[in-house]
Amino acid sequence: MTIVRKREYLDGMKNIISFIARDSVSRAKSFKQQLDSRIDDLVHFPYKYRQSIHHTNNEVRDLVYKGYTIVYRINIVDDKIEILEIFKWTK
C-alpha cells in the first residue's frame, strides 16, 4: 500500500507548520516528523483510527493528533491510502 498526500492536505500542513514555526522552529519540525511517522504507519494498520465522523463511508478515517484531525481514505482497489485534509476543530 502506498500513501498519497493530496494537495488540500499539503496546503493545510504548510499553513500549520508556518504557524507553529512563528513560535518555535524546532517544535514545528518535531510536529511534522511525528505526524509523518504516524501517517507512514498507516501502511501497516490502515484501520487503526476511527471511522470519520465527517463522512459516512467506512473507508474514510480520522487520525487525531495534538488536536488536529487528519482525514484519510483507504482505497483497497488502487492499493493506496489518500491523506485528504488536516484541520483543527474550533468553536
PDB file of N, CA and C in Angstrom:
ATOM      1  N   MET A   1       0.846  -1.174   0.000  1.00  0.00           N
ATOM      2  CA  MET A   1       0.000   0.000   0.000  1.00  0.00           C
ATOM      3  C   MET A   1       0.896   1.244   0.000  1.00  0.00           C
ATOM      4  N   THR A   2       0.492   2.224  -0.769  1.00  0.00           N
ATOM      5  CA  THR A   2       1.252   3.474  -0.808  1.00  0.00           C
ATOM      6  C   THR A   2       0.411   4.602  -0.206  1.00  0.00           C
ATOM      7  N   ILE A   3       1.100   5.630   0.230  1.00  0.00           N
ATOM      8  CA  ILE A   3       0.440   6.786   0.818  1.00  0.00           C
ATOM      9  C   ILE A   3       0.546   7.955  -0.156  1.00  0.00           C
ATOM     10  N   VAL A   4      -0.602   8.575  -0.426  1.00  0.00           N
ATOM     11  CA  VAL A   4      -0.665   9.726  -1.321  1.00  0.00           C
ATOM     12  C   VAL A   4      -1.213  10.909  -0.523  1.00  0.00           C
ATOM     13  N   ARG A   5      -0.426  11.953  -0.438  1.00  0.00           N
ATOM     14  CA  ARG A   5      -0.861  13.168   0.266  1.00  0.00           C
ATOM     15  C   ARG A   5      -1.466  14.130  -0.754  1.00  0.00           C
ATOM     16  N   LYS A   6      -2.748  14.403  -0.605  1.00  0.00           N
ATOM     17  CA  LYS A   6      -3.468  15.267  -1.544  1.00  0.00           C
ATOM     18  C   LYS A   6      -3.093  16.731  -1.332  1.00  0.00           C
ATOM     19  N   ARG A   7      -3.322  17.554  -2.347  1.00  0.00           N
ATOM     20  CA  ARG A   7      -2.967  18.968  -2.324  1.00  0.00           C
ATOM     21  C   ARG A   7      -3.592  19.704  -1.139  1.00  0.00           C
ATOM     22  N   GLU A   8      -4.854  19.437  -0.838  1.00  0.00           N
ATOM     23  CA  GLU A   8      -5.523  20.121   0.276  1.00  0.00           C
ATOM     24  C   GLU A   8      -4.820  19.830   1.600  1.00  0.00           C
ATOM     25  N   TYR A   9      -4.396  18.589   1.791  1.00  0.00           N
ATOM     26  CA  TYR A   9      -3.650  18.239   2.992  1.00  0.00           C
ATOM     27  C   TYR A   9      -2.315  18.982   3.025  1.00  0.00           C
ATOM     28  N   LEU A  10      -1.585  18.952   1.917  1.00  0.00           N
ATOM     29  CA  LEU A  10      -0.270  19.594   1.872  1.00  0.00           C
ATOM     30  C   LEU A  10      -0.356  21.095   2.130  1.00  0.00           C
ATOM     31  N   ASP A  11      -1.378  21.733   1.570  1.00  0.00           N
ATOM     32  CA  ASP A  11      -1.565  23.170   1.804  1.00  0.00           C
ATOM     33  C   ASP A  11      -1.893  23.447   3.267  1.00  0.00           C
ATOM     34  N   GLY A  12      -2.778  22.643   3.845  1.00  0.00           N
ATOM     35  CA  GLY A  12      -3.128  22.805   5.248  1.00  0.00           C
ATOM     36  C   GLY A  12      -1.931  22.579   6.161  1.00  0.00           C
ATOM     37  N   MET A  13      -1.153  21.565   5.860  1.00  0.00           N
ATOM     38  CA  MET A  13       0.029  21.256   6.662  1.00  0.00           C
ATOM     39  C   MET A  13       1.046  22.388   6.590  1.00  0.00           C
ATOM     40  N   LYS A  14       1.219  22.938   5.419  1.00  0.00           N
ATOM     41  CA  LYS A  14       2.152  24.062   5.249  1.00  0.00           C
ATOM     42  C   LYS A  14       1.735  25.237   6.133  1.00  0.00           C
ATOM     43  N   ASN A  15       0.455  25.543   6.163  1.00  0.00           N
ATOM     44  CA  ASN A  15      -0.043  26.644   6.985  1.00  0.00           C
ATOM     45  C   ASN A  15       0.153  26.364   8.479  1.00  0.00           C
ATOM     46  N   ILE A  16      -0.101  25.141   8.891  1.00  0.00           N
ATOM     47  CA  ILE A  16       0.054  24.770  10.296  1.00  0.00           C
ATOM     48  C   ILE A  16       1.516  24.851  10.717  1.00  0.00           C
ATOM     49  N   ILE A  17       2.402  24.324   9.904  1.00  0.00           N
ATOM     50  CA  ILE A  17       3.837  24.349  10.217  1.00  0.00           C
ATOM     51  C   ILE A  17       4.335  25.789  10.287  1.00  0.00           C
ATOM     52  N   SER A  18       3.886  26.620   9.372  1.00  0.00           N
ATOM     53  CA  SER A  18       4.283  28.035   9.395  1.00  0.00           C
ATOM     54  C   SER A  18       3.812  28.711  10.673  1.00  0.00           C
ATOM     55  N   PHE A  19       2.597  28.397  11.099  1.00  0.00           N
ATOM     56  CA  PHE A  19       2.046  28.979  12.321  1.00  0.00           C
ATOM     57  C   PHE A  19       2.855  28.541  13.549  1.00  0.00           C
ATOM     58  N   ILE A  20       3.141  27.245  13.648  1.00  0.00           N
ATOM     59  CA  ILE A  20       3.910  26.733  14.784  1.00  0.00           C
ATOM     60  C   ILE A  20       5.325  27.309  14.765  1.00  0.00           C
ATOM     61  N   ALA A  21       5.918  27.434  13.595  1.00  0.00           N
ATOM     62  CA  ALA A  21       7.296  27.924  13.461  1.00  0.00           C
ATOM     63  C   ALA A  21       7.443  29.373  13.911  1.00  0.00           C
ATOM     64  N   ARG A  22       6.364  30.142  13.879  1.00  0.00           N
ATOM     65  CA  ARG A  22       6.452  31.519  14.377  1.00  0.00           C
ATOM     66  C   ARG A  22       6.873  31.542  15.842  1.00  0.00           C
ATOM     67  N   ASP A  23       6.462  30.534  16.574  1.00  0.00           N
ATOM     68  CA  ASP A  23       6.820  30.426  17.989  1.00  0.00           C
ATOM     69  C   ASP A  23       8.118  29.645  18.172  1.00  0.00           C
ATOM     70  N   SER A  24       8.249  28.521  17.459  1.00  0.00           N
ATOM     71  CA  SER A  24       9.421  27.662  17.632  1.00  0.00           C
ATOM     72  C   SER A  24       9.624  26.789  16.391  1.00  0.00           C
ATOM     73  N   VAL A  25      10.735  26.998  15.721  1.00  0.00           N
ATOM     74  CA  VAL A  25      11.049  26.211  14.523  1.00  0.00           C
ATOM     75  C   VAL A  25      11.271  24.746  14.894  1.00  0.00           C
ATOM     76  N   SER A  26      11.920  24.508  16.010  1.00  0.00           N
ATOM     77  CA  SER A  26      12.190  23.116  16.407  1.00  0.00           C
ATOM     78  C   SER A  26      10.889  22.370  16.730  1.00  0.00           C
ATOM     79  N   ARG A  27       9.926  23.036  17.349  1.00  0.00           N
ATOM     80  CA  ARG A  27       8.634  22.382  17.620  1.00  0.00           C
ATOM     81  C   ARG A  27       7.878  22.113  16.329  1.00  0.00           C
ATOM     82  N   ALA A  28       7.989  23.020  15.367  1.00  0.00           N
ATOM     83  CA  ALA A  28       7.333  22.814  14.071  1.00  0.00           C
ATOM     84  C   ALA A  28       7.918  21.584  13.377  1.00  0.00           C
ATOM     85  N   LYS A  29       9.240  21.464  13.395  1.00  0.00           N
ATOM     86  CA  LYS A  29       9.897  20.305  12.776  1.00  0.00           C
ATOM     87  C   LYS A  29       9.512  19.015  13.490  1.00  0.00           C
ATOM     88  N   SER A  30       9.481  19.060  14.817  1.00  0.00           N
ATOM     89  CA  SER A  30       9.120  17.888  15.608  1.00  0.00           C
ATOM     90  C   SER A  30       7.675  17.466  15.332  1.00  0.00           C
ATOM     91  N   PHE A  31       6.776  18.432  15.276  1.00  0.00           N
ATOM     92  CA  PHE A  31       5.373  18.156  14.982  1.00  0.00           C
ATOM     93  C   PHE A  31       5.247  17.440  13.635  1.00  0.00           C
ATOM     94  N   LYS A  32       5.905  17.980  12.622  1.00  0.00           N
ATOM     95  CA  LYS A  32       5.830  17.398  11.276  1.00  0.00           C
ATOM     96  C   LYS A  32       6.421  15.988  11.246  1.00  0.00           C
ATOM     97  N   GLN A  33       7.564  15.799  11.889  1.00  0.00           N
ATOM     98  CA  GLN A  33       8.208  14.483  11.894  1.00  0.00           C
ATOM     99  C   GLN A  33       7.342  13.440  12.596  1.00  0.00           C
ATOM    100  N   GLN A  34       6.782  13.807  13.741  1.00  0.00           N
ATOM    101  CA  GLN A  34       5.958  12.856  14.486  1.00  0.00           C
ATOM    102  C   GLN A  34       4.668  12.527  13.740  1.00  0.00           C
ATOM    103  N   LEU A  35       4.058  13.530  13.128  1.00  0.00           N
ATOM    104  CA  LEU A  35       2.838  13.282  12.360  1.00  0.00           C
ATOM    105  C   LEU A  35       3.142  12.442  11.120  1.00  0.00           C
ATOM    106  N   ASP A  36       4.224  12.753  10.424  1.00  0.00           N
ATOM    107  CA  ASP A  36       4.613  11.949   9.258  1.00  0.00           C
ATOM    108  C   ASP A  36       4.845  10.492   9.645  1.00  0.00           C
ATOM    109  N   SER A  37       5.413  10.270  10.818  1.00  0.00           N
ATOM    110  CA  SER A  37       5.648   8.906  11.289  1.00  0.00           C
ATOM    111  C   SER A  37       4.323   8.166  11.494  1.00  0.00           C
ATOM    112  N   ARG A  38       3.350   8.838  12.091  1.00  0.00           N
ATOM    113  CA  ARG A  38       2.031   8.207  12.288  1.00  0.00           C
ATOM    114  C   ARG A  38       1.354   7.917  10.953  1.00  0.00           C
ATOM    115  N   ILE A  39       1.456   8.854  10.033  1.00  0.00           N
ATOM    116  CA  ILE A  39       0.858   8.655   8.707  1.00  0.00           C
ATOM    117  C   ILE A  39       1.536   7.495   7.988  1.00  0.00           C
ATOM    118  N   ASP A  40       2.862   7.429   8.053  1.00  0.00           N
ATOM    119  CA  ASP A  40       3.590   6.343   7.394  1.00  0.00           C
ATOM    120  C   ASP A  40       3.224   4.973   7.974  1.00  0.00           C
ATOM    121  N   ASP A  41       2.879   4.920   9.270  1.00  0.00           N
ATOM    122  CA  ASP A  41       2.472   3.658   9.898  1.00  0.00           C
ATOM    123  C   ASP A  41       1.114   3.158   9.406  1.00  0.00           C
ATOM    124  N   LEU A  42       0.349   4.023   8.778  1.00  0.00           N
ATOM    125  CA  LEU A  42      -0.958   3.610   8.257  1.00  0.00           C
ATOM    126  C   LEU A  42      -0.839   2.470   7.243  1.00  0.00           C
ATOM    127  N   VAL A  43       0.300   2.368   6.597  1.00  0.00           N
ATOM    128  CA  VAL A  43       0.529   1.290   5.628  1.00  0.00           C
ATOM    129  C   VAL A  43       0.347  -0.068   6.311  1.00  0.00           C
ATOM    130  N   HIS A  44       0.773  -0.161   7.562  1.00  0.00           N
ATOM    131  CA  HIS A  44       0.696  -1.430   8.296  1.00  0.00           C
ATOM    132  C   HIS A  44      -0.656  -1.636   8.980  1.00  0.00           C
ATOM    133  N   PHE A  45      -1.285  -0.542   9.416  1.00  0.00           N
ATOM    134  CA  PHE A  45      -2.550  -0.627  10.146  1.00  0.00           C
ATOM    135  C   PHE A  45      -3.533   0.433   9.631  1.00  0.00           C
ATOM    136  N   PRO A  46      -4.047   0.288   8.425  1.00  0.00           N
ATOM    137  CA  PRO A  46      -4.894   1.345   7.849  1.00  0.00           C
ATOM    138  C   PRO A  46      -6.198   1.597   8.615  1.00  0.00           C
ATOM    139  N   TYR A  47      -6.700   0.602   9.327  1.00  0.00           N
ATOM    140  CA  TYR A  47      -7.962   0.773  10.057  1.00  0.00           C
ATOM    141  C   TYR A  47      -7.735   1.086  11.545  1.00  0.00           C
ATOM    142  N   LYS A  48      -6.544   1.500  11.887  1.00  0.00           N
ATOM    143  CA  LYS A  48      -6.195   1.766  13.282  1.00  0.00           C
ATOM    144  C   LYS A  48      -7.044   2.874  13.898  1.00  0.00           C
ATOM    145  N   TYR A  49      -7.363   3.888  13.136  1.00  0.00           N
ATOM    146  CA  TYR A  49      -8.081   5.041  13.660  1.00  0.00           C
ATOM    147  C   TYR A  49      -9.572   4.951  13.344  1.00  0.00           C
ATOM    148  N   ARG A  50     -10.347   5.741  14.045  1.00  0.00           N
ATOM    149  CA  ARG A  50     -11.810   5.670  13.983  1.00  0.00           C
ATOM    150  C   ARG A  50     -12.362   6.026  12.597  1.00  0.00           C
ATOM    151  N   GLN A  51     -13.556   5.522  12.341  1.00  0.00           N
ATOM    152  CA  GLN A  51     -14.269   5.927  11.130  1.00  0.00           C
ATOM    153  C   GLN A  51     -14.542   7.417  11.252  1.00  0.00           C
ATOM    154  N   SER A  52     -14.443   8.120  10.167  1.00  0.00           N
ATOM    155  CA  SER A  52     -14.611   9.569  10.185  1.00  0.00           C
ATOM    156  C   SER A  52     -16.002   9.971  10.653  1.00  0.00           C
ATOM    157  N   ILE A  53     -16.038  10.959  11.529  1.00  0.00           N
ATOM    158  CA  ILE A  53     -17.326  11.500  11.962  1.00  0.00           C
ATOM    159  C   ILE A  53     -17.848  12.505  10.939  1.00  0.00           C
ATOM    160  N   HIS A  54     -17.031  12.816   9.947  1.00  0.00           N
ATOM    161  CA  HIS A  54     -17.392  13.790   8.923  1.00  0.00           C
ATOM    162  C   HIS A  54     -17.896  13.130   7.636  1.00  0.00           C
ATOM    163  N   HIS A  55     -17.770  11.794   7.551  1.00  0.00           N
ATOM    164  CA  HIS A  55     -18.168  11.046   6.353  1.00  0.00           C
ATOM    165  C   HIS A  55     -18.877   9.768   6.779  1.00  0.00           C
ATOM    166  N   THR A  56     -19.733   9.254   5.916  1.00  0.00           N
ATOM    167  CA  THR A  56     -20.443   8.012   6.215  1.00  0.00           C
ATOM    168  C   THR A  56     -19.720   6.775   5.678  1.00  0.00           C
ATOM    169  N   ASN A  57     -18.760   6.974   4.812  1.00  0.00           N
ATOM    170  CA  ASN A  57     -18.004   5.882   4.209  1.00  0.00           C
ATOM    171  C   ASN A  57     -17.045   5.279   5.244  1.00  0.00           C
ATOM    172  N   ASN A  58     -17.121   3.965   5.456  1.00  0.00           N
ATOM    173  CA  ASN A  58     -16.254   3.279   6.415  1.00  0.00           C
ATOM    174  C   ASN A  58     -14.779   3.361   6.029  1.00  0.00           C
ATOM    175  N   GLU A  59     -14.487   3.596   4.789  1.00  0.00           N
ATOM    176  CA  GLU A  59     -13.100   3.669   4.319  1.00  0.00           C
ATOM    177  C   GLU A  59     -12.466   5.035   4.591  1.00  0.00           C
ATOM    178  N   VAL A  60     -13.257   6.001   5.027  1.00  0.00           N
ATOM    179  CA  VAL A  60     -12.739   7.328   5.361  1.00  0.00           C
ATOM    180  C   VAL A  60     -12.573   7.365   6.873  1.00  0.00           C
ATOM    181  N   ARG A  61     -11.351   7.669   7.321  1.00  0.00           N
ATOM    182  CA  ARG A  61     -10.995   7.583   8.732  1.00  0.00           C
ATOM    183  C   ARG A  61     -10.445   8.918   9.240  1.00  0.00           C
ATOM    184  N   ASP A  62     -10.452   9.081  10.564  1.00  0.00           N
ATOM    185  CA  ASP A  62      -9.913  10.276  11.221  1.00  0.00           C
ATOM    186  C   ASP A  62      -8.750   9.884  12.123  1.00  0.00           C
ATOM    187  N   LEU A  63      -7.580  10.402  11.806  1.00  0.00           N
ATOM    188  CA  LEU A  63      -6.432  10.282  12.695  1.00  0.00           C
ATOM    189  C   LEU A  63      -6.385  11.600  13.465  1.00  0.00           C
ATOM    190  N   VAL A  64      -6.495  11.541  14.778  1.00  0.00           N
ATOM    191  CA  VAL A  64      -6.458  12.758  15.593  1.00  0.00           C
ATOM    192  C   VAL A  64      -5.097  12.831  16.265  1.00  0.00           C
ATOM    193  N   TYR A  65      -4.424  13.970  16.056  1.00  0.00           N
ATOM    194  CA  TYR A  65      -3.076  14.155  16.584  1.00  0.00           C
ATOM    195  C   TYR A  65      -2.925  15.575  17.109  1.00  0.00           C
ATOM    196  N   LYS A  66      -2.700  15.705  18.402  1.00  0.00           N
ATOM    197  CA  LYS A  66      -2.486  17.000  19.069  1.00  0.00           C
ATOM    198  C   LYS A  66      -3.556  18.025  18.705  1.00  0.00           C
ATOM    199  N   GLY A  67      -4.797  17.580  18.689  1.00  0.00           N
ATOM    200  CA  GLY A  67      -5.915  18.477  18.415  1.00  0.00           C
ATOM    201  C   GLY A  67      -6.226  18.667  16.944  1.00  0.00           C
ATOM    202  N   TYR A  68      -5.433  18.128  16.067  1.00  0.00           N
ATOM    203  CA  TYR A  68      -5.655  18.222  14.622  1.00  0.00           C
ATOM    204  C   TYR A  68      -6.276  16.920  14.131  1.00  0.00           C
ATOM    205  N   THR A  69      -7.194  17.038  13.200  1.00  0.00           N
ATOM    206  CA  THR A  69      -7.818  15.869  12.588  1.00  0.00           C
ATOM    207  C   THR A  69      -7.261  15.713  11.182  1.00  0.00           C
ATOM    208  N   ILE A  70      -6.728  14.547  10.912  1.00  0.00           N
ATOM    209  CA  ILE A  70      -6.211  14.215   9.587  1.00  0.00           C
ATOM    210  C   ILE A  70      -7.183  13.200   8.997  1.00  0.00           C
ATOM    211  N   VAL A  71      -7.858  13.592   7.939  1.00  0.00           N
ATOM    212  CA  VAL A  71      -8.850  12.730   7.300  1.00  0.00           C
ATOM    213  C   VAL A  71      -8.151  11.973   6.165  1.00  0.00           C
ATOM    214  N   TYR A  72      -8.333  10.647   6.169  1.00  0.00           N
ATOM    215  CA  TYR A  72      -7.734   9.845   5.100  1.00  0.00           C
ATOM    216  C   TYR A  72      -8.715   8.786   4.613  1.00  0.00           C
ATOM    217  N   ARG A  73      -8.499   8.364   3.366  1.00  0.00           N
ATOM    218  CA  ARG A  73      -9.359   7.352   2.737  1.00  0.00           C
ATOM    219  C   ARG A  73      -8.512   6.142   2.366  1.00  0.00           C
ATOM    220  N   ILE A  74      -9.015   4.984   2.697  1.00  0.00           N
ATOM    221  CA  ILE A  74      -8.363   3.728   2.340  1.00  0.00           C
ATOM    222  C   ILE A  74      -8.955   3.279   1.004  1.00  0.00           C
ATOM    223  N   ASN A  75      -8.112   3.166   0.013  1.00  0.00           N
ATOM    224  CA  ASN A  75      -8.553   2.773  -1.316  1.00  0.00           C
ATOM    225  C   ASN A  75      -7.971   1.385  -1.609  1.00  0.00           C
ATOM    226  N   ILE A  76      -8.752   0.365  -1.301  1.00  0.00           N
ATOM    227  CA  ILE A  76      -8.301  -1.019  -1.448  1.00  0.00           C
ATOM    228  C   ILE A  76      -8.056  -1.368  -2.915  1.00  0.00           C
ATOM    229  N   VAL A  77      -8.923  -0.903  -3.799  1.00  0.00           N
ATOM    230  CA  VAL A  77      -8.826  -1.231  -5.225  1.00  0.00           C
ATOM    231  C   VAL A  77      -7.495  -0.766  -5.813  1.00  0.00           C
ATOM    232  N   ASP A  78      -7.099   0.479  -5.495  1.00  0.00           N
ATOM    233  CA  ASP A  78      -5.844   1.037  -6.024  1.00  0.00           C
ATOM    234  C   ASP A  78      -4.660   0.803  -5.089  1.00  0.00           C
ATOM    235  N   ASP A  79      -4.896   0.117  -3.973  1.00  0.00           N
ATOM    236  CA  ASP A  79      -3.853  -0.214  -3.010  1.00  0.00           C
ATOM    237  C   ASP A  79      -3.107   1.041  -2.525  1.00  0.00           C
ATOM    238  N   LYS A  80      -3.909   2.036  -2.072  1.00  0.00           N
ATOM    239  CA  LYS A  80      -3.282   3.257  -1.574  1.00  0.00           C
ATOM    240  C   LYS A  80      -4.125   3.871  -0.457  1.00  0.00           C
ATOM    241  N   ILE A  81      -3.478   4.707   0.313  1.00  0.00           N
ATOM    242  CA  ILE A  81      -4.124   5.487   1.352  1.00  0.00           C
ATOM    243  C   ILE A  81      -3.965   6.947   0.953  1.00  0.00           C
ATOM    244  N   GLU A  82      -5.098   7.638   0.827  1.00  0.00           N
ATOM    245  CA  GLU A  82      -5.077   9.035   0.410  1.00  0.00           C
ATOM    246  C   GLU A  82      -5.288   9.924   1.632  1.00  0.00           C
ATOM    247  N   ILE A  83      -4.304  10.772   1.920  1.00  0.00           N
ATOM    248  CA  ILE A  83      -4.408  11.720   3.019  1.00  0.00           C
ATOM    249  C   ILE A  83      -5.121  12.938   2.442  1.00  0.00           C
ATOM    250  N   LEU A  84      -6.349  13.167   2.877  1.00  0.00           N
ATOM    251  CA  LEU A  84      -7.224  14.139   2.239  1.00  0.00           C
ATOM    252  C   LEU A  84      -7.072  15.556   2.778  1.00  0.00           C
ATOM    253  N   GLU A  85      -7.090  15.704   4.112  1.00  0.00           N
ATOM    254  CA  GLU A  85      -7.039  17.056   4.669  1.00  0.00           C
ATOM    255  C   GLU A  85      -6.616  17.015   6.126  1.00  0.00           C
ATOM    256  N   ILE A  86      -6.239  18.180   6.631  1.00  0.00           N
ATOM    257  CA  ILE A  86      -5.891  18.350   8.034  1.00  0.00           C
ATOM    258  C   ILE A  86      -6.552  19.633   8.506  1.00  0.00           C
ATOM    259  N   PHE A  87      -7.135  19.566   9.694  1.00  0.00           N
ATOM    260  CA  PHE A  87      -7.758  20.775  10.247  1.00  0.00           C
ATOM    261  C   PHE A  87      -7.823  20.659  11.762  1.00  0.00           C
ATOM    262  N   LYS A  88      -8.027  21.783  12.389  1.00  0.00           N
ATOM    263  CA  LYS A  88      -8.197  21.830  13.836  1.00  0.00           C
ATOM    264  C   LYS A  88      -9.597  22.345  14.109  1.00  0.00           C
ATOM    265  N   TRP A  89     -10.330  21.588  14.905  1.00  0.00           N
ATOM    266  CA  TRP A  89     -11.687  21.985  15.233  1.00  0.00           C
ATOM    267  C   TRP A  89     -11.643  23.177  16.172  1.00  0.00           C
ATOM    268  N   THR A  90     -12.435  24.184  15.872  1.00  0.00           N
ATOM    269  CA  THR A  90     -12.522  25.369  16.732  1.00  0.00           C
ATOM    270  C   THR A  90     -13.984  25.713  16.929  1.00  0.00           C
ATOM    271  N   LYS A  91     -14.271  26.361  18.035  1.00  0.00           N
ATOM    272  CA  LYS A  91     -15.639  26.774  18.316  1.00  0.00           C
ATOM    273  C   LYS A  91     -15.951  28.053  17.589  1.00  0.00           C
TER     274      LYS A  91
END
